[in-house]
Amino acid sequence: MTQVLLSTEANADIKEAQSYYDSIGEGLGDYFCSSLLADLDRLGVTAGVHRKAHRNYHRAICRNFPYGIFYAMREGEAIVLAVVDLRRDPEWIEKRIG
């Protein structure tokens, strides 16, 4: 199993998304976080198999929300660089993960 590490930026992305979903409905932010944790657990098993979306960054798609988990493989670890809403402008996403 691959160790999954979150960057400071990815943690900030998650907190921002949780706040957004909390503003939409009570408990939705918590559901987002628990769903994302399950996706990150799966990443520990599947890291490296996802297509490269930008340079050397792989992208895993979240199951329950329209978010992508962008990560790089380094010495047997998956380092999550960003957790991004995939409905955003592709140029913004590229700039964010670039």
PDB file of N, CA and C in Angstrom:
ATOM      1  N   MET A   1       0.845  -1.182   0.000  1.00  0.00           N
ATOM      2  CA  MET A   1       0.000   0.000   0.000  1.00  0.00           C
ATOM      3  C   MET A   1       0.895   1.251   0.000  1.00  0.00           C
ATOM      4  N   THR A   2       0.543   2.203  -0.827  1.00  0.00           N
ATOM      5  CA  THR A   2       1.295   3.441  -0.967  1.00  0.00           C
ATOM      6  C   THR A   2       0.876   4.431   0.114  1.00  0.00           C
ATOM      7  N   GLN A   3       1.844   5.102   0.689  1.00  0.00           N
ATOM      8  CA  GLN A   3       1.536   6.140   1.667  1.00  0.00           C
ATOM      9  C   GLN A   3       1.075   7.393   0.924  1.00  0.00           C
ATOM     10  N   VAL A   4      -0.031   7.978   1.368  1.00  0.00           N
ATOM     11  CA  VAL A   4      -0.589   9.180   0.754  1.00  0.00           C
ATOM     12  C   VAL A   4      -0.309  10.356   1.680  1.00  0.00           C
ATOM     13  N   LEU A   5       0.365  11.369   1.146  1.00  0.00           N
ATOM     14  CA  LEU A   5       0.699  12.567   1.912  1.00  0.00           C
ATOM     15  C   LEU A   5      -0.001  13.771   1.311  1.00  0.00           C
ATOM     16  N   LEU A   6      -0.545  14.636   2.156  1.00  0.00           N
ATOM     17  CA  LEU A   6      -1.233  15.838   1.694  1.00  0.00           C
ATOM     18  C   LEU A   6      -0.325  17.050   1.853  1.00  0.00           C
ATOM     19  N   SER A   7      -0.220  17.837   0.813  1.00  0.00           N
ATOM     20  CA  SER A   7       0.527  19.098   0.905  1.00  0.00           C
ATOM     21  C   SER A   7      -0.316  20.119   1.665  1.00  0.00           C
ATOM     22  N   THR A   8       0.334  21.186   2.094  1.00  0.00           N
ATOM     23  CA  THR A   8      -0.367  22.281   2.767  1.00  0.00           C
ATOM     24  C   THR A   8      -1.445  22.850   1.855  1.00  0.00           C
ATOM     25  N   GLU A   9      -1.132  22.975   0.569  1.00  0.00           N
ATOM     26  CA  GLU A   9      -2.084  23.514  -0.399  1.00  0.00           C
ATOM     27  C   GLU A   9      -3.305  22.607  -0.550  1.00  0.00           C
ATOM     28  N   ALA A  10      -3.082  21.296  -0.561  1.00  0.00           N
ATOM     29  CA  ALA A  10      -4.198  20.351  -0.683  1.00  0.00           C
ATOM     30  C   ALA A  10      -5.095  20.431   0.551  1.00  0.00           C
ATOM     31  N   ASN A  11      -4.491  20.565   1.726  1.00  0.00           N
ATOM     32  CA  ASN A  11      -5.288  20.733   2.944  1.00  0.00           C
ATOM     33  C   ASN A  11      -6.143  21.988   2.862  1.00  0.00           C
ATOM     34  N   ALA A  12      -5.576  23.069   2.350  1.00  0.00           N
ATOM     35  CA  ALA A  12      -6.324  24.319   2.196  1.00  0.00           C
ATOM     36  C   ALA A  12      -7.470  24.137   1.198  1.00  0.00           C
ATOM     37  N   ASP A  13      -7.214  23.402   0.111  1.00  0.00           N
ATOM     38  CA  ASP A  13      -8.266  23.114  -0.874  1.00  0.00           C
ATOM     39  C   ASP A  13      -9.436  22.382  -0.219  1.00  0.00           C
ATOM     40  N   ILE A  14      -9.117  21.407   0.616  1.00  0.00           N
ATOM     41  CA  ILE A  14     -10.146  20.601   1.268  1.00  0.00           C
ATOM     42  C   ILE A  14     -10.973  21.456   2.230  1.00  0.00           C
ATOM     43  N   LYS A  15     -10.303  22.294   2.999  1.00  0.00           N
ATOM     44  CA  LYS A  15     -11.022  23.169   3.936  1.00  0.00           C
ATOM     45  C   LYS A  15     -11.930  24.144   3.187  1.00  0.00           C
ATOM     46  N   GLU A  16     -11.439  24.668   2.078  1.00  0.00           N
ATOM     47  CA  GLU A  16     -12.240  25.591   1.271  1.00  0.00           C
ATOM     48  C   GLU A  16     -13.480  24.889   0.710  1.00  0.00           C
ATOM     49  N   ALA A  17     -13.298  23.676   0.210  1.00  0.00           N
ATOM     50  CA  ALA A  17     -14.423  22.915  -0.331  1.00  0.00           C
ATOM     51  C   ALA A  17     -15.415  22.558   0.774  1.00  0.00           C
ATOM     52  N   GLN A  18     -14.914  22.194   1.935  1.00  0.00           N
ATOM     53  CA  GLN A  18     -15.804  21.864   3.047  1.00  0.00           C
ATOM     54  C   GLN A  18     -16.642  23.084   3.432  1.00  0.00           C
ATOM     55  N   SER A  19     -16.040  24.248   3.484  1.00  0.00           N
ATOM     56  CA  SER A  19     -16.776  25.479   3.799  1.00  0.00           C
ATOM     57  C   SER A  19     -17.839  25.754   2.746  1.00  0.00           C
ATOM     58  N   TYR A  20     -17.471  25.567   1.488  1.00  0.00           N
ATOM     59  CA  TYR A  20     -18.427  25.778   0.399  1.00  0.00           C
ATOM     60  C   TYR A  20     -19.642  24.859   0.570  1.00  0.00           C
ATOM     61  N   TYR A  21     -19.390  23.570   0.786  1.00  0.00           N
ATOM     62  CA  TYR A  21     -20.500  22.634   0.911  1.00  0.00           C
ATOM     63  C   TYR A  21     -21.295  22.856   2.194  1.00  0.00           C
ATOM     64  N   ASP A  22     -20.651  23.312   3.278  1.00  0.00           N
ATOM     65  CA  ASP A  22     -21.379  23.666   4.495  1.00  0.00           C
ATOM     66  C   ASP A  22     -22.340  24.821   4.239  1.00  0.00           C
ATOM     67  N   SER A  23     -21.939  25.748   3.357  1.00  0.00           N
ATOM     68  CA  SER A  23     -22.803  26.892   3.066  1.00  0.00           C
ATOM     69  C   SER A  23     -24.034  26.488   2.248  1.00  0.00           C
ATOM     70  N   ILE A  24     -23.947  25.363   1.562  1.00  0.00           N
ATOM     71  CA  ILE A  24     -25.067  24.881   0.746  1.00  0.00           C
ATOM     72  C   ILE A  24     -26.098  24.147   1.604  1.00  0.00           C
ATOM     73  N   GLY A  25     -25.622  23.323   2.518  1.00  0.00           N
ATOM     74  CA  GLY A  25     -26.559  22.551   3.336  1.00  0.00           C
ATOM     75  C   GLY A  25     -25.886  21.974   4.566  1.00  0.00           C
ATOM     76  N   GLU A  26     -26.648  21.885   5.623  1.00  0.00           N
ATOM     77  CA  GLU A  26     -26.133  21.371   6.882  1.00  0.00           C
ATOM     78  C   GLU A  26     -25.650  19.933   6.722  1.00  0.00           C
ATOM     79  N   GLY A  27     -24.428  19.693   7.155  1.00  0.00           N
ATOM     80  CA  GLY A  27     -23.851  18.355   7.107  1.00  0.00           C
ATOM     81  C   GLY A  27     -23.212  17.987   5.783  1.00  0.00           C
ATOM     82  N   LEU A  28     -23.415  18.801   4.765  1.00  0.00           N
ATOM     83  CA  LEU A  28     -22.869  18.468   3.446  1.00  0.00           C
ATOM     84  C   LEU A  28     -21.340  18.572   3.438  1.00  0.00           C
ATOM     85  N   GLY A  29     -20.797  19.530   4.168  1.00  0.00           N
ATOM     86  CA  GLY A  29     -19.338  19.661   4.265  1.00  0.00           C
ATOM     87  C   GLY A  29     -18.710  18.444   4.923  1.00  0.00           C
ATOM     88  N   ASP A  30     -19.360  17.939   5.971  1.00  0.00           N
ATOM     89  CA  ASP A  30     -18.859  16.732   6.633  1.00  0.00           C
ATOM     90  C   ASP A  30     -18.934  15.528   5.698  1.00  0.00           C
ATOM     91  N   TYR A  31     -20.017  15.453   4.922  1.00  0.00           N
ATOM     92  CA  TYR A  31     -20.156  14.361   3.961  1.00  0.00           C
ATOM     93  C   TYR A  31     -19.058  14.446   2.894  1.00  0.00           C
ATOM     94  N   PHE A  32     -18.765  15.668   2.435  1.00  0.00           N
ATOM     95  CA  PHE A  32     -17.680  15.859   1.474  1.00  0.00           C
ATOM     96  C   PHE A  32     -16.374  15.325   2.049  1.00  0.00           C
ATOM     97  N   CYS A  33     -16.067  15.707   3.290  1.00  0.00           N
ATOM     98  CA  CYS A  33     -14.794  15.280   3.894  1.00  0.00           C
ATOM     99  C   CYS A  33     -14.726  13.767   4.078  1.00  0.00           C
ATOM    100  N   SER A  34     -15.803  13.159   4.543  1.00  0.00           N
ATOM    101  CA  SER A  34     -15.761  11.704   4.735  1.00  0.00           C
ATOM    102  C   SER A  34     -15.651  10.984   3.393  1.00  0.00           C
ATOM    103  N   SER A  35     -16.316  11.512   2.383  1.00  0.00           N
ATOM    104  CA  SER A  35     -16.227  10.931   1.046  1.00  0.00           C
ATOM    105  C   SER A  35     -14.809  11.079   0.489  1.00  0.00           C
ATOM    106  N   LEU A  36     -14.226  12.250   0.691  1.00  0.00           N
ATOM    107  CA  LEU A  36     -12.864  12.490   0.207  1.00  0.00           C
ATOM    108  C   LEU A  36     -11.856  11.599   0.938  1.00  0.00           C
ATOM    109  N   LEU A  37     -12.047  11.388   2.227  1.00  0.00           N
ATOM    110  CA  LEU A  37     -11.154  10.490   2.971  1.00  0.00           C
ATOM    111  C   LEU A  37     -11.197   9.080   2.396  1.00  0.00           C
ATOM    112  N   ALA A  38     -12.389   8.633   2.010  1.00  0.00           N
ATOM    113  CA  ALA A  38     -12.506   7.313   1.382  1.00  0.00           C
ATOM    114  C   ALA A  38     -11.760   7.286   0.049  1.00  0.00           C
ATOM    115  N   ASP A  39     -11.860   8.387  -0.716  1.00  0.00           N
ATOM    116  CA  ASP A  39     -11.130   8.473  -1.985  1.00  0.00           C
ATOM    117  C   ASP A  39      -9.619   8.449  -1.751  1.00  0.00           C
ATOM    118  N   LEU A  40      -9.164   9.121  -0.709  1.00  0.00           N
ATOM    119  CA  LEU A  40      -7.731   9.138  -0.394  1.00  0.00           C
ATOM    120  C   LEU A  40      -7.263   7.763   0.077  1.00  0.00           C
ATOM    121  N   ASP A  41      -8.106   7.047   0.813  1.00  0.00           N
ATOM    122  CA  ASP A  41      -7.774   5.671   1.207  1.00  0.00           C
ATOM    123  C   ASP A  41      -7.618   4.786  -0.032  1.00  0.00           C
ATOM    124  N   ARG A  42      -8.542   4.930  -0.990  1.00  0.00           N
ATOM    125  CA  ARG A  42      -8.448   4.159  -2.239  1.00  0.00           C
ATOM    126  C   ARG A  42      -7.173   4.522  -3.002  1.00  0.00           C
ATOM    127  N   LEU A  43      -6.790   5.794  -2.919  1.00  0.00           N
ATOM    128  CA  LEU A  43      -5.570   6.236  -3.602  1.00  0.00           C
ATOM    129  C   LEU A  43      -4.357   5.488  -3.067  1.00  0.00           C
ATOM    130  N   GLY A  44      -4.380   5.142  -1.790  1.00  0.00           N
ATOM    131  CA  GLY A  44      -3.284   4.365  -1.222  1.00  0.00           C
ATOM    132  C   GLY A  44      -3.093   3.026  -1.907  1.00  0.00           C
ATOM    133  N   VAL A  45      -4.144   2.501  -2.501  1.00  0.00           N
ATOM    134  CA  VAL A  45      -4.090   1.219  -3.201  1.00  0.00           C
ATOM    135  C   VAL A  45      -3.851   1.406  -4.698  1.00  0.00           C
ATOM    136  N   THR A  46      -4.420   2.476  -5.261  1.00  0.00           N
ATOM    137  CA  THR A  46      -4.406   2.638  -6.719  1.00  0.00           C
ATOM    138  C   THR A  46      -3.415   3.690  -7.223  1.00  0.00           C
ATOM    139  N   ALA A  47      -2.648   4.289  -6.346  1.00  0.00           N
ATOM    140  CA  ALA A  47      -1.735   5.368  -6.747  1.00  0.00           C
ATOM    141  C   ALA A  47      -0.811   4.925  -7.880  1.00  0.00           C
ATOM    142  N   GLY A  48      -0.705   5.806  -8.861  1.00  0.00           N
ATOM    143  CA  GLY A  48       0.174   5.553  -9.998  1.00  0.00           C
ATOM    144  C   GLY A  48      -0.535   5.010 -11.219  1.00  0.00           C
ATOM    145  N   VAL A  49      -1.768   4.523 -11.062  1.00  0.00           N
ATOM    146  CA  VAL A  49      -2.474   3.960 -12.212  1.00  0.00           C
ATOM    147  C   VAL A  49      -3.300   4.997 -12.968  1.00  0.00           C
ATOM    148  N   HIS A  50      -3.515   6.148 -12.357  1.00  0.00           N
ATOM    149  CA  HIS A  50      -4.327   7.189 -12.992  1.00  0.00           C
ATOM    150  C   HIS A  50      -3.519   7.893 -14.075  1.00  0.00           C
ATOM    151  N   ARG A  51      -4.238   8.379 -15.077  1.00  0.00           N
ATOM    152  CA  ARG A  51      -3.548   9.045 -16.178  1.00  0.00           C
ATOM    153  C   ARG A  51      -2.884  10.324 -15.683  1.00  0.00           C
ATOM    154  N   LYS A  52      -1.830  10.696 -16.376  1.00  0.00           N
ATOM    155  CA  LYS A  52      -1.160  11.948 -16.065  1.00  0.00           C
ATOM    156  C   LYS A  52      -1.935  13.080 -16.728  1.00  0.00           C
ATOM    157  N   ALA A  53      -2.415  13.992 -15.913  1.00  0.00           N
ATOM    158  CA  ALA A  53      -3.249  15.075 -16.410  1.00  0.00           C
ATOM    159  C   ALA A  53      -2.432  16.317 -16.742  1.00  0.00           C
ATOM    160  N   HIS A  54      -1.294  16.468 -16.097  1.00  0.00           N
ATOM    161  CA  HIS A  54      -0.476  17.667 -16.289  1.00  0.00           C
ATOM    162  C   HIS A  54       0.948  17.333 -15.865  1.00  0.00           C
ATOM    163  N   ARG A  55       1.866  17.502 -16.780  1.00  0.00           N
ATOM    164  CA  ARG A  55       3.278  17.172 -16.530  1.00  0.00           C
ATOM    165  C   ARG A  55       3.385  15.797 -15.899  1.00  0.00           C
ATOM    166  N   ASN A  56       3.924  15.717 -14.691  1.00  0.00           N
ATOM    167  CA  ASN A  56       4.067  14.429 -14.015  1.00  0.00           C
ATOM    168  C   ASN A  56       3.011  14.213 -12.943  1.00  0.00           C
ATOM    169  N   TYR A  57       1.915  14.956 -13.014  1.00  0.00           N
ATOM    170  CA  TYR A  57       0.877  14.864 -11.999  1.00  0.00           C
ATOM    171  C   TYR A  57      -0.255  13.967 -12.478  1.00  0.00           C
ATOM    172  N   HIS A  58      -0.558  12.975 -11.674  1.00  0.00           N
ATOM    173  CA  HIS A  58      -1.678  12.086 -11.939  1.00  0.00           C
ATOM    174  C   HIS A  58      -2.953  12.750 -11.412  1.00  0.00           C
ATOM    175  N   ARG A  59      -4.094  12.313 -11.955  1.00  0.00           N
ATOM    176  CA  ARG A  59      -5.376  12.823 -11.466  1.00  0.00           C
ATOM    177  C   ARG A  59      -6.321  11.669 -11.188  1.00  0.00           C
ATOM    178  N   ALA A  60      -6.746  11.582  -9.934  1.00  0.00           N
ATOM    179  CA  ALA A  60      -7.788  10.632  -9.542  1.00  0.00           C
ATOM    180  C   ALA A  60      -9.088  11.422  -9.419  1.00  0.00           C
ATOM    181  N   ILE A  61     -10.185  10.827  -9.822  1.00  0.00           N
ATOM    182  CA  ILE A  61     -11.483  11.482  -9.754  1.00  0.00           C
ATOM    183  C   ILE A  61     -12.207  11.018  -8.489  1.00  0.00           C
ATOM    184  N   CYS A  62     -12.744  11.971  -7.736  1.00  0.00           N
ATOM    185  CA  CYS A  62     -13.532  11.637  -6.548  1.00  0.00           C
ATOM    186  C   CYS A  62     -14.827  10.956  -6.977  1.00  0.00           C
ATOM    187  N   ARG A  63     -15.282  10.043  -6.171  1.00  0.00           N
ATOM    188  CA  ARG A  63     -16.472   9.272  -6.537  1.00  0.00           C
ATOM    189  C   ARG A  63     -17.778  10.050  -6.380  1.00  0.00           C
ATOM    190  N   ASN A  64     -17.913  10.842  -5.327  1.00  0.00           N
ATOM    191  CA  ASN A  64     -19.209  11.445  -5.028  1.00  0.00           C
ATOM    192  C   ASN A  64     -19.298  12.946  -5.294  1.00  0.00           C
ATOM    193  N   PHE A  65     -18.194  13.562  -5.597  1.00  0.00           N
ATOM    194  CA  PHE A  65     -18.163  15.001  -5.836  1.00  0.00           C
ATOM    195  C   PHE A  65     -17.331  15.272  -7.087  1.00  0.00           C
ATOM    196  N   PRO A  66     -17.576  16.391  -7.765  1.00  0.00           N
ATOM    197  CA  PRO A  66     -16.845  16.675  -9.010  1.00  0.00           C
ATOM    198  C   PRO A  66     -15.456  17.262  -8.754  1.00  0.00           C
ATOM    199  N   TYR A  67     -14.654  16.523  -8.023  1.00  0.00           N
ATOM    200  CA  TYR A  67     -13.319  16.979  -7.655  1.00  0.00           C
ATOM    201  C   TYR A  67     -12.271  16.015  -8.183  1.00  0.00           C
ATOM    202  N   GLY A  68     -11.110  16.574  -8.485  1.00  0.00           N
ATOM    203  CA  GLY A  68      -9.976  15.778  -8.893  1.00  0.00           C
ATOM    204  C   GLY A  68      -8.896  15.868  -7.832  1.00  0.00           C
ATOM    205  N   ILE A  69      -8.231  14.757  -7.599  1.00  0.00           N
ATOM    206  CA  ILE A  69      -7.107  14.706  -6.667  1.00  0.00           C
ATOM    207  C   ILE A  69      -5.853  14.626  -7.533  1.00  0.00           C
ATOM    208  N   PHE A  70      -5.070  15.681  -7.524  1.00  0.00           N
ATOM    209  CA  PHE A  70      -3.845  15.745  -8.320  1.00  0.00           C
ATOM    210  C   PHE A  70      -2.672  15.367  -7.423  1.00  0.00           C
ATOM    211  N   TYR A  71      -1.887  14.396  -7.887  1.00  0.00           N
ATOM    212  CA  TYR A  71      -0.793  13.911  -7.053  1.00  0.00           C
ATOM    213  C   TYR A  71       0.405  13.526  -7.904  1.00  0.00           C
ATOM    214  N   ALA A  72       1.545  13.477  -7.235  1.00  0.00           N
ATOM    215  CA  ALA A  72       2.792  13.046  -7.873  1.00  0.00           C
ATOM    216  C   ALA A  72       3.311  11.826  -7.119  1.00  0.00           C
ATOM    217  N   MET A  73       3.927  10.928  -7.852  1.00  0.00           N
ATOM    218  CA  MET A  73       4.537   9.743  -7.239  1.00  0.00           C
ATOM    219  C   MET A  73       6.015  10.036  -6.987  1.00  0.00           C
ATOM    220  N   ARG A  74       6.439   9.812  -5.751  1.00  0.00           N
ATOM    221  CA  ARG A  74       7.844  10.002  -5.388  1.00  0.00           C
ATOM    222  C   ARG A  74       8.253   8.928  -4.403  1.00  0.00           C
ATOM    223  N   GLU A  75       9.189   8.092  -4.814  1.00  0.00           N
ATOM    224  CA  GLU A  75       9.764   7.060  -3.947  1.00  0.00           C
ATOM    225  C   GLU A  75       8.706   6.272  -3.184  1.00  0.00           C
ATOM    226  N   GLY A  76       7.710   5.789  -3.900  1.00  0.00           N
ATOM    227  CA  GLY A  76       6.691   4.958  -3.278  1.00  0.00           C
ATOM    228  C   GLY A  76       5.629   5.706  -2.492  1.00  0.00           C
ATOM    229  N   GLU A  77       5.610   7.012  -2.589  1.00  0.00           N
ATOM    230  CA  GLU A  77       4.603   7.823  -1.913  1.00  0.00           C
ATOM    231  C   GLU A  77       3.780   8.585  -2.948  1.00  0.00           C
ATOM    232  N   ALA A  78       2.519   8.799  -2.625  1.00  0.00           N
ATOM    233  CA  ALA A  78       1.659   9.646  -3.451  1.00  0.00           C
ATOM    234  C   ALA A  78       1.514  10.969  -2.705  1.00  0.00           C
ATOM    235  N   ILE A  79       2.039  12.019  -3.296  1.00  0.00           N
ATOM    236  CA  ILE A  79       1.993  13.335  -2.664  1.00  0.00           C
ATOM    237  C   ILE A  79       0.890  14.139  -3.340  1.00  0.00           C
ATOM    238  N   VAL A  80      -0.178  14.397  -2.582  1.00  0.00           N
ATOM    239  CA  VAL A  80      -1.329  15.126  -3.103  1.00  0.00           C
ATOM    240  C   VAL A  80      -1.002  16.607  -3.103  1.00  0.00           C
ATOM    241  N   LEU A  81      -1.024  17.195  -4.301  1.00  0.00           N
ATOM    242  CA  LEU A  81      -0.668  18.608  -4.451  1.00  0.00           C
ATOM    243  C   LEU A  81      -1.890  19.512  -4.465  1.00  0.00           C
ATOM    244  N   ALA A  82      -3.027  18.965  -4.926  1.00  0.00           N
ATOM    245  CA  ALA A  82      -4.234  19.786  -5.024  1.00  0.00           C
ATOM    246  C   ALA A  82      -5.465  18.896  -5.039  1.00  0.00           C
ATOM    247  N   VAL A  83      -6.542  19.436  -4.492  1.00  0.00           N
ATOM    248  CA  VAL A  83      -7.864  18.820  -4.571  1.00  0.00           C
ATOM    249  C   VAL A  83      -8.754  19.905  -5.161  1.00  0.00           C
ATOM    250  N   VAL A  84      -9.124  19.736  -6.442  1.00  0.00           N
ATOM    251  CA  VAL A  84      -9.695  20.835  -7.216  1.00  0.00           C
ATOM    252  C   VAL A  84     -11.076  20.473  -7.775  1.00  0.00           C
ATOM    253  N   ASP A  85     -11.970  21.452  -7.718  1.00  0.00           N
ATOM    254  CA  ASP A  85     -13.288  21.317  -8.338  1.00  0.00           C
ATOM    255  C   ASP A  85     -13.083  21.288  -9.856  1.00  0.00           C
ATOM    256  N   LEU A  86     -13.448  20.196 -10.489  1.00  0.00           N
ATOM    257  CA  LEU A  86     -13.205  20.017 -11.915  1.00  0.00           C
ATOM    258  C   LEU A  86     -14.172  20.808 -12.795  1.00  0.00           C
ATOM    259  N   ARG A  87     -15.126  21.498 -12.188  1.00  0.00           N
ATOM    260  CA  ARG A  87     -16.035  22.351 -12.952  1.00  0.00           C
ATOM    261  C   ARG A  87     -15.414  23.717 -13.226  1.00  0.00           C
ATOM    262  N   ARG A  88     -14.263  23.968 -12.654  1.00  0.00           N
ATOM    263  CA  ARG A  88     -13.588  25.246 -12.867  1.00  0.00           C
ATOM    264  C   ARG A  88     -12.968  25.294 -14.261  1.00  0.00           C
ATOM    265  N   ASP A  89     -12.610  26.492 -14.656  1.00  0.00           N
ATOM    266  CA  ASP A  89     -11.963  26.719 -15.945  1.00  0.00           C
ATOM    267  C   ASP A  89     -10.678  25.884 -16.028  1.00  0.00           C
ATOM    268  N   PRO A  90     -10.501  25.098 -17.096  1.00  0.00           N
ATOM    269  CA  PRO A  90      -9.293  24.269 -17.223  1.00  0.00           C
ATOM    270  C   PRO A  90      -7.988  25.066 -17.123  1.00  0.00           C
ATOM    271  N   GLU A  91      -7.990  26.284 -17.607  1.00  0.00           N
ATOM    272  CA  GLU A  91      -6.782  27.115 -17.499  1.00  0.00           C
ATOM    273  C   GLU A  91      -6.489  27.436 -16.035  1.00  0.00           C
ATOM    274  N   TRP A  92      -7.538  27.694 -15.244  1.00  0.00           N
ATOM    275  CA  TRP A  92      -7.358  27.965 -13.823  1.00  0.00           C
ATOM    276  C   TRP A  92      -6.783  26.721 -13.133  1.00  0.00           C
ATOM    277  N   ILE A  93      -7.331  25.556 -13.478  1.00  0.00           N
ATOM    278  CA  ILE A  93      -6.858  24.312 -12.870  1.00  0.00           C
ATOM    279  C   ILE A  93      -5.377  24.092 -13.199  1.00  0.00           C
ATOM    280  N   GLU A  94      -5.029  24.280 -14.454  1.00  0.00           N
ATOM    281  CA  GLU A  94      -3.633  24.089 -14.863  1.00  0.00           C
ATOM    282  C   GLU A  94      -2.715  25.063 -14.124  1.00  0.00           C
ATOM    283  N   LYS A  95      -3.150  26.280 -13.985  1.00  0.00           N
ATOM    284  CA  LYS A  95      -2.360  27.275 -13.263  1.00  0.00           C
ATOM    285  C   LYS A  95      -2.234  26.894 -11.781  1.00  0.00           C
ATOM    286  N   ARG A  96      -3.315  26.368 -11.206  1.00  0.00           N
ATOM    287  CA  ARG A  96      -3.326  25.991  -9.796  1.00  0.00           C
ATOM    288  C   ARG A  96      -2.357  24.840  -9.520  1.00  0.00           C
ATOM    289  N   ILE A  97      -2.327  23.856 -10.391  1.00  0.00           N
ATOM    290  CA  ILE A  97      -1.461  22.701 -10.137  1.00  0.00           C
ATOM    291  C   ILE A  97      -0.072  22.872 -10.734  1.00  0.00           C
ATOM    292  N   GLY A  98       0.077  23.872 -11.603  1.00  0.00           N
ATOM    293  CA  GLY A  98       1.353  24.088 -12.285  1.00  0.00           C
ATOM    294  C   GLY A  98       2.414  24.570 -11.345  1.00  0.00           C
TER     295      GLY A  98
END
